[in-house]
């Protein structure tokens, strides 16, 4: 059996092109599966963190829904949303009188005006300075809290939405947040009453509120008759969780499909190599059988070689995934890709299983060959 192993190693080394081709198929297949699963895991972790930070209890009253409504033909009638009025300050004041925890946000061209419990909108901690005081928000004082990527420090004066404001606080680095309604790292928040320019859009945030009750109140405020469609939207960030999960699951399935075909190609390559190896090693196999090797010994030998070969390809695919993750993290640290040991073991197990499946038929052919016939034909 040792002679068979040495001969197998020499055969693989001699025909490097054929070996490399088979390894490449398995490596690409393993890379496709592991990289897709790594990407999905990282994105799911980011989304989960975002929902944990902002919770599922916050409801946003806005002009457009987070998920566009499609008609029976699958058409998105965007013009119906454009014609809707934005939620306004008076509506916010009315709702805030009913629901205690509430906030108002007016998004301008370069900053965001906030009022009420604005921490419902931005929960990122401060790296320096302080938050708005109640008096500053009510009086519209010229102060601002900015994101980590804004080129300003506490004590500087910058212009935000037409108002010259003093920087009183700066958020810590947020990174990629798929849930936050505000781009925290680039944000420039000021009291709503300090804004000197018109807002592009606005939003009302309410905590621990009943969506149906909010809908009834908004319809009354806008004097919508029965049967007429709402000209506003009630959004819940957690409502996107299932849809995001479906998209990520689709990404994982695409990785599995791509990996399957690549592994299939690699498996056929390994099977072809093993068939050739069986033919080239007939005499050695016959001699081993003649001196006492059983059919199981021969089968294990050839299947083990196929598994070892595909395992090497799997390891190459895992290394490629690790290199890709490290490269992406250097270029875009906010994404924070991380390949877990479980995913690496999954990829390696799939690669080895591919090799075992590819090596079974050639191994069986070698095992059932009569020793005398094998030595004669060898």
Protein backbone atom coordinates (compact mmCIF):
# COMPACT_ATOMS: atom_id res chain seq x y z
CA UNK A 1 0.00 0.00 0.00
CA UNK A 2 2.91 2.33 0.66
CA UNK A 3 4.09 1.70 -2.90
CA UNK A 4 0.66 2.73 -4.20
CA UNK A 5 0.78 5.96 -2.19
CA UNK A 6 4.22 6.89 -3.49
CA UNK A 7 3.18 6.15 -7.05
CA UNK A 8 0.02 8.23 -6.63
CA UNK A 9 2.05 11.19 -5.39
CA UNK A 10 4.45 10.88 -8.35
CA UNK A 11 1.54 10.72 -10.81
CA UNK A 12 -0.03 13.90 -9.41
CA UNK A 13 3.29 15.69 -9.44
CA UNK A 14 4.10 14.57 -13.01
CA UNK A 15 0.78 15.68 -14.50
CA UNK A 16 0.66 19.08 -12.83
CA UNK A 17 -1.69 20.66 -15.38
CA UNK A 18 -4.37 18.02 -14.92
CA UNK A 19 -4.00 18.22 -11.15
CA UNK A 20 -4.16 22.02 -11.16
CA UNK A 21 -7.26 21.98 -13.36
CA UNK A 22 -9.11 19.65 -11.02
CA UNK A 23 -8.01 21.60 -7.95
CA UNK A 24 -9.18 24.85 -9.55
CA UNK A 25 -12.73 23.57 -10.01
CA UNK A 26 -12.99 22.50 -6.38
CA UNK A 27 -11.30 25.71 -5.17
CA UNK A 28 -13.67 27.95 -7.13
CA UNK A 29 -16.68 25.99 -5.94
CA UNK A 30 -15.60 26.18 -2.31
CA UNK A 31 -14.79 29.87 -2.71
CA UNK A 32 -18.25 30.58 -4.19
CA UNK A 33 -20.06 28.85 -1.33
CA UNK A 34 -17.93 30.12 1.56
CA UNK A 35 -17.66 33.71 0.27
CA UNK A 36 -21.43 33.95 -0.28
CA UNK A 37 -22.16 32.57 3.19
CA UNK A 38 -19.54 34.89 4.72
CA UNK A 39 -21.09 37.93 3.01
CA UNK A 40 -24.60 36.95 4.10
CA UNK A 41 -23.48 36.30 7.70
CA UNK A 42 -21.75 39.69 7.90
CA UNK A 43 -24.71 41.58 6.45
CA UNK A 44 -27.18 39.77 8.69
CA UNK A 45 -25.03 40.65 11.70
CA UNK A 46 -24.97 44.31 10.66
CA UNK A 47 -28.74 44.40 10.12
CA UNK A 48 -29.38 42.65 13.43
CA UNK A 49 -27.18 45.15 15.27
CA UNK A 50 -29.05 47.99 13.62
CA UNK A 51 -32.45 46.67 14.64
CA UNK A 52 -31.26 46.00 18.16
CA UNK A 53 -30.02 49.60 18.36
CA UNK A 54 -33.18 51.21 16.98
CA UNK A 55 -35.65 48.63 18.16
CA UNK A 56 -38.94 47.63 16.62
CA UNK A 57 -41.09 50.04 18.61
CA UNK A 58 -40.43 53.18 16.53
CA UNK A 59 -42.98 54.12 13.87
CA UNK A 60 -42.27 56.72 11.19
CA UNK A 61 -44.98 58.81 9.58
CA UNK A 62 -43.72 59.98 6.19
CA UNK A 63 -44.80 60.78 2.66
CA UNK A 64 -43.60 57.55 0.98
CA UNK A 65 -43.60 53.96 2.23
CA UNK A 66 -40.26 52.25 2.75
CA UNK A 67 -41.47 49.49 0.45
CA UNK A 68 -43.01 50.85 -2.79
CA UNK A 69 -46.57 49.65 -3.40
CA UNK A 70 -47.01 47.96 -6.76
CA UNK A 71 -50.31 47.72 -8.62
CA UNK A 72 -51.73 44.52 -10.13
CA UNK A 73 -49.48 44.90 -13.19
CA UNK A 74 -46.39 45.25 -11.02
CA UNK A 75 -46.03 48.96 -11.85
CA UNK A 76 -44.64 51.37 -9.29
CA UNK A 77 -46.70 54.54 -9.55
CA UNK A 78 -44.07 56.90 -8.24
CA UNK A 79 -46.02 59.98 -9.34
CA UNK A 80 -48.69 59.23 -6.73
CA UNK A 81 -46.11 59.63 -3.97
CA UNK A 82 -44.54 62.77 -5.44
CA UNK A 83 -47.91 64.52 -5.34
CA UNK A 84 -48.40 63.75 -1.68
CA UNK A 85 -47.74 66.48 0.91
CA UNK A 86 -44.87 66.07 3.33
CA UNK A 87 -45.70 65.58 7.01
CA UNK A 88 -45.47 68.96 8.73
CA UNK A 89 -44.76 70.60 12.05
CA UNK A 90 -48.42 71.01 13.02
CA UNK A 91 -49.06 67.31 12.51
CA UNK A 92 -46.04 66.51 14.63
CA UNK A 93 -47.21 68.79 17.44
CA UNK A 94 -50.64 67.15 17.38
CA UNK A 95 -49.22 63.63 17.52
CA UNK A 96 -46.60 64.52 20.12
CA UNK A 97 -49.35 65.77 22.41
CA UNK A 98 -50.92 62.29 22.26
CA UNK A 99 -47.76 60.18 22.25
CA UNK A 100 -45.09 61.29 24.69
CA UNK A 101 -41.99 59.87 23.01
CA UNK A 102 -41.87 61.54 19.62
CA UNK A 103 -39.45 63.35 17.34
CA UNK A 104 -39.57 65.45 14.19
CA UNK A 105 -36.93 65.51 11.46
CA UNK A 106 -36.69 67.84 8.47
CA UNK A 107 -34.04 66.72 5.99
CA UNK A 108 -32.41 69.57 4.07
CA UNK A 109 -29.75 69.67 1.40
CA UNK A 110 -26.81 69.64 3.84
CA UNK A 111 -28.26 69.13 7.31
CA UNK A 112 -31.18 67.79 9.33
CA UNK A 113 -33.42 69.82 11.59
CA UNK A 114 -34.64 67.89 14.64
CA UNK A 115 -37.11 68.44 17.44
CA UNK A 116 -38.44 66.49 20.40
CA UNK A 117 -36.74 63.22 21.39
CA UNK A 118 -34.32 63.30 18.47
CA UNK A 119 -32.44 60.34 19.95
CA UNK A 120 -35.18 58.16 18.41
CA UNK A 121 -33.56 59.07 15.08
CA UNK A 122 -29.87 58.94 16.01
CA UNK A 123 -28.66 56.78 18.86
CA UNK A 124 -24.96 56.90 18.13
CA UNK A 125 -22.84 57.94 21.11
CA UNK A 126 -20.80 61.15 21.15
CA UNK A 127 -17.02 61.09 20.92
CA UNK A 128 -16.76 64.68 22.16
CA UNK A 129 -18.94 67.58 23.27
CA UNK A 130 -22.54 67.37 24.38
CA UNK A 131 -26.09 66.91 23.12
CA UNK A 132 -28.80 69.51 22.50
CA UNK A 133 -30.57 70.88 25.54
CA UNK A 134 -34.36 71.12 25.67
CA UNK A 135 -34.11 74.91 25.63
CA UNK A 136 -31.90 74.92 22.52
CA UNK A 137 -34.38 72.74 20.66
CA UNK A 138 -37.39 74.81 21.67
CA UNK A 139 -35.77 78.18 20.95
CA UNK A 140 -34.00 77.12 17.76
CA UNK A 141 -30.52 78.01 19.00
CA UNK A 142 -27.73 78.11 16.36
CA UNK A 143 -25.93 74.95 17.49
CA UNK A 144 -25.13 71.69 15.72
CA UNK A 145 -24.04 68.12 16.45
CA UNK A 146 -22.06 66.61 13.58
CA UNK A 147 -20.91 63.19 12.38
CA UNK A 148 -17.41 61.76 12.60
CA UNK A 149 -16.65 62.48 8.93
CA UNK A 150 -17.63 66.15 9.09
CA UNK A 151 -14.53 68.35 9.01
CA UNK A 152 -15.29 70.34 12.17
CA UNK A 153 -14.49 70.21 15.86
CA UNK A 154 -16.37 71.28 18.95
CA UNK A 155 -16.23 75.05 19.21
CA UNK A 156 -16.01 75.61 15.43
CA UNK A 157 -18.67 77.60 13.62
CA UNK A 158 -20.09 76.15 10.42
CA UNK A 159 -23.05 76.95 8.19
CA UNK A 160 -25.87 74.39 8.26
CA UNK A 161 -29.08 74.87 6.31
CA UNK A 162 -28.49 78.58 5.95
CA UNK A 163 -27.73 79.14 9.66
CA UNK A 164 -24.29 79.81 11.17
CA UNK A 165 -24.04 77.28 13.99
CA UNK A 166 -21.56 76.38 16.70
CA UNK A 167 -20.46 72.74 16.84
CA UNK A 168 -21.33 71.52 20.35
CA UNK A 169 -20.94 67.77 19.84
CA UNK A 170 -19.52 65.15 17.54
CA UNK A 171 -20.70 61.56 17.06
CA UNK A 172 -18.34 58.63 17.28
CA UNK A 173 -17.65 56.65 14.13
CA UNK A 174 -20.72 54.68 13.14
CA UNK A 175 -19.65 52.81 10.04
CA UNK A 176 -22.13 50.99 7.86
CA UNK A 177 -25.60 51.01 9.40
CA UNK A 178 -28.33 49.60 7.20
CA UNK A 179 -31.09 50.59 9.61
CA UNK A 180 -30.48 54.15 10.79
CA UNK A 181 -32.71 56.76 9.08
CA UNK A 182 -29.80 59.22 9.21
CA UNK A 183 -26.31 58.90 7.71
CA UNK A 184 -24.71 59.39 11.11
CA UNK A 185 -21.11 59.77 9.99
CA UNK A 186 -21.96 62.65 7.64
CA UNK A 187 -24.84 64.12 9.62
CA UNK A 188 -25.14 67.74 10.67
CA UNK A 189 -28.05 68.06 13.10
CA UNK A 190 -29.50 71.38 14.19
CA UNK A 191 -32.68 72.39 16.02
CA UNK A 192 -35.55 72.43 13.52
CA UNK A 193 -36.45 76.03 14.38
CA UNK A 194 -32.91 77.11 13.54
CA UNK A 195 -33.25 76.03 9.90
CA UNK A 196 -33.20 78.90 7.40
CA UNK A 197 -33.82 76.83 4.28
CA UNK A 198 -36.64 74.57 3.13
CA UNK A 199 -36.56 70.85 3.86
CA UNK A 200 -36.46 68.29 1.10
CA UNK A 201 -38.47 65.79 3.12
CA UNK A 202 -39.68 65.36 6.68
CA UNK A 203 -40.53 62.58 9.09
CA UNK A 204 -42.33 62.06 12.39
CA UNK A 205 -41.00 59.34 14.73
CA UNK A 206 -43.27 57.87 17.40
CA UNK A 207 -42.37 55.26 20.03
CA UNK A 208 -44.77 52.72 21.54
CA UNK A 209 -47.63 53.83 19.28
CA UNK A 210 -50.46 51.94 17.59
CA UNK A 211 -50.17 52.16 13.77
CA UNK A 212 -53.93 51.96 13.23
CA UNK A 213 -54.56 54.72 15.75
CA UNK A 214 -51.93 56.88 14.05
CA UNK A 215 -53.59 56.25 10.69
CA UNK A 216 -56.97 57.32 12.06
CA UNK A 217 -55.52 60.52 13.55
CA UNK A 218 -53.63 61.41 10.36
CA UNK A 219 -56.71 60.88 8.22
CA UNK A 220 -58.67 63.18 10.52
CA UNK A 221 -55.93 65.83 10.41
CA UNK A 222 -55.85 65.72 6.62
CA UNK A 223 -59.64 65.47 6.36
CA UNK A 224 -59.61 62.44 4.12
CA UNK A 225 -63.13 61.13 3.38
CA UNK A 226 -63.94 57.44 3.82
CA UNK A 227 -62.80 55.34 0.88
CA UNK A 228 -60.05 57.74 -0.19
CA UNK A 229 -56.50 56.42 -0.13
CA UNK A 230 -54.05 57.56 2.53
CA UNK A 231 -51.79 60.36 1.31
CA UNK A 232 -49.14 59.44 3.89
CA UNK A 233 -47.24 56.32 4.89
CA UNK A 234 -46.73 54.63 8.24
CA UNK A 235 -43.36 52.89 8.22
CA UNK A 236 -41.77 50.50 10.62
CA UNK A 237 -38.09 49.68 10.20
CA UNK A 238 -38.63 46.16 11.47
CA UNK A 239 -41.03 45.62 8.56
CA UNK A 240 -37.99 45.50 6.30
CA UNK A 241 -36.35 42.69 8.23
CA UNK A 242 -38.14 39.86 6.41
CA UNK A 243 -37.48 41.41 3.01
CA UNK A 244 -33.80 41.98 3.77
CA UNK A 245 -33.61 38.40 4.99
CA UNK A 246 -35.12 37.15 1.71
CA UNK A 247 -32.60 39.13 -0.33
CA UNK A 248 -29.70 37.79 1.73
CA UNK A 249 -31.04 34.24 1.47
CA UNK A 250 -31.21 34.67 -2.31
CA UNK A 251 -27.56 35.75 -2.27
CA UNK A 252 -26.67 32.61 -0.33
CA UNK A 253 -28.60 30.43 -2.79
CA UNK A 254 -26.78 32.03 -5.71
CA UNK A 255 -23.49 31.17 -4.02
CA UNK A 256 -24.62 27.58 -3.55
CA UNK A 257 -25.68 27.31 -7.20
CA UNK A 258 -22.41 28.74 -8.51
CA UNK A 259 -20.48 26.55 -6.10
CA UNK A 260 -22.42 23.44 -7.16
CA UNK A 261 -21.53 23.80 -10.83
CA UNK A 262 -17.90 24.59 -10.04
CA UNK A 263 -17.68 21.61 -7.71
CA UNK A 264 -19.35 19.48 -10.37
CA UNK A 265 -16.64 20.42 -12.86
CA UNK A 266 -13.93 19.81 -10.27
CA UNK A 267 -15.52 16.48 -9.30
CA UNK A 268 -15.55 15.28 -12.90
CA UNK A 269 -11.90 16.33 -13.21
CA UNK A 270 -10.96 14.36 -10.09
CA UNK A 271 -12.94 11.32 -11.28
CA UNK A 272 -11.18 11.46 -14.63
CA UNK A 273 -7.79 11.67 -12.90
CA UNK A 274 -8.62 8.70 -10.71
CA UNK A 275 -9.75 6.58 -13.67
CA UNK A 276 -6.46 7.35 -15.44
CA UNK A 277 -4.56 6.58 -12.24
CA UNK A 278 -6.36 3.24 -11.88
CA UNK A 279 -5.37 2.24 -15.42
CA UNK A 280 -1.75 3.35 -14.96
CA UNK A 281 -1.41 1.52 -11.65
CA UNK A 282 -2.99 -1.81 -12.60
CA UNK A 283 0.18 -3.81 -12.05
CA UNK A 284 0.94 -2.24 -8.68
CA UNK A 285 -2.68 -2.75 -7.59
CA UNK A 286 -2.54 -6.40 -8.67
CA UNK A 287 0.68 -6.98 -6.76
CA UNK A 288 -0.80 -5.44 -3.60
CA UNK A 289 -3.89 -7.64 -3.94
CA UNK A 290 -1.68 -10.70 -4.46
CA UNK A 291 0.30 -10.09 -1.27
CA UNK A 292 -2.80 -9.66 0.90
CA UNK A 293 -4.44 -6.27 0.32
CA UNK A 294 -8.24 -6.52 0.44
CA UNK A 295 -10.76 -4.84 -1.80
CA UNK A 296 -11.56 -2.45 1.05
CA UNK A 297 -7.88 -1.52 1.31
CA UNK A 298 -7.71 -0.67 -2.39
CA UNK A 299 -11.02 1.23 -2.24
CA UNK A 300 -9.89 3.26 0.77
CA UNK A 301 -6.60 4.02 -0.98
CA UNK A 302 -8.13 5.51 -4.12
CA UNK A 303 -11.03 7.24 -2.32
CA UNK A 304 -8.55 8.72 0.16
CA UNK A 305 -6.45 10.09 -2.69
CA UNK A 306 -9.51 11.72 -4.26
CA UNK A 307 -10.59 13.20 -0.90
CA UNK A 308 -7.06 14.48 -0.25
CA UNK A 309 -6.95 16.10 -3.69
CA UNK A 310 -10.34 17.78 -3.33
CA UNK A 311 -9.52 18.78 0.25
CA UNK A 312 -6.47 20.63 -1.03
CA UNK A 313 -8.71 22.45 -3.50
CA UNK A 314 -11.14 23.26 -0.69
CA UNK A 315 -8.35 24.71 1.43
CA UNK A 316 -7.31 26.86 -1.52
CA UNK A 317 -10.89 28.15 -1.83
CA UNK A 318 -11.03 28.97 1.89
CA UNK A 319 -7.72 30.83 1.68
CA UNK A 320 -9.09 32.81 -1.30
CA UNK A 321 -12.17 33.72 0.74
CA UNK A 322 -10.01 34.85 3.67
CA UNK A 323 -7.87 36.98 1.34
CA UNK A 324 -11.00 38.52 -0.23
CA UNK A 325 -12.49 39.31 3.19
CA UNK A 326 -9.23 40.93 4.36
CA UNK A 327 -8.98 42.96 1.14
CA UNK A 328 -12.58 44.17 1.40
CA UNK A 329 -12.08 45.12 5.04
CA UNK A 330 -9.02 47.19 4.11
CA UNK A 331 -10.82 48.96 1.26
CA UNK A 332 -14.14 49.29 3.10
CA UNK A 333 -13.76 48.81 6.88
CA UNK A 334 -17.46 49.55 7.46
CA UNK A 335 -18.50 46.26 5.84
CA UNK A 336 -16.57 44.18 8.42
CA UNK A 337 -16.51 40.85 6.58
CA UNK A 338 -15.54 37.97 8.82
CA UNK A 339 -15.26 34.31 7.82
CA UNK A 340 -16.11 32.12 10.79
CA UNK A 341 -14.50 28.79 11.52
CA UNK A 342 -17.86 27.11 11.01
CA UNK A 343 -18.13 28.42 7.46
CA UNK A 344 -14.56 27.35 6.71
CA UNK A 345 -15.30 23.84 8.00
CA UNK A 346 -18.49 23.76 5.91
CA UNK A 347 -16.54 24.60 2.76
CA UNK A 348 -13.85 22.05 3.55
CA UNK A 349 -16.43 19.35 4.27
CA UNK A 350 -18.20 20.04 0.96
CA UNK A 351 -14.91 19.85 -0.93
CA UNK A 352 -13.90 16.55 0.72
CA UNK A 353 -17.38 15.09 0.12
CA UNK A 354 -17.04 16.04 -3.56
CA UNK A 355 -13.73 14.18 -3.74
CA UNK A 356 -15.15 11.10 -2.03
CA UNK A 357 -18.11 11.02 -4.42
CA UNK A 358 -15.80 11.49 -7.42
CA UNK A 359 -13.41 8.76 -6.28
CA UNK A 360 -15.92 6.01 -5.46
CA UNK A 361 -16.47 4.69 -8.98
CA UNK A 362 -12.77 4.58 -9.97
CA UNK A 363 -11.91 3.03 -6.59
CA UNK A 364 -14.55 0.34 -7.05
CA UNK A 365 -13.17 -0.44 -10.51
CA UNK A 366 -9.68 -0.93 -9.06
CA UNK A 367 -10.95 -2.99 -6.12
CA UNK A 368 -12.96 -5.56 -8.11
CA UNK A 369 -10.14 -6.18 -10.63
CA UNK A 370 -8.78 -9.77 -10.24
CA UNK A 371 -5.08 -9.65 -9.19
CA UNK A 372 -3.87 -11.91 -12.02
CA UNK A 373 -5.75 -9.93 -14.68
CA UNK A 374 -4.46 -6.64 -13.23
CA UNK A 375 -0.83 -7.81 -13.33
CA UNK A 376 -1.16 -9.20 -16.85
CA UNK A 377 -2.67 -5.98 -18.25
CA UNK A 378 -0.34 -3.79 -16.24
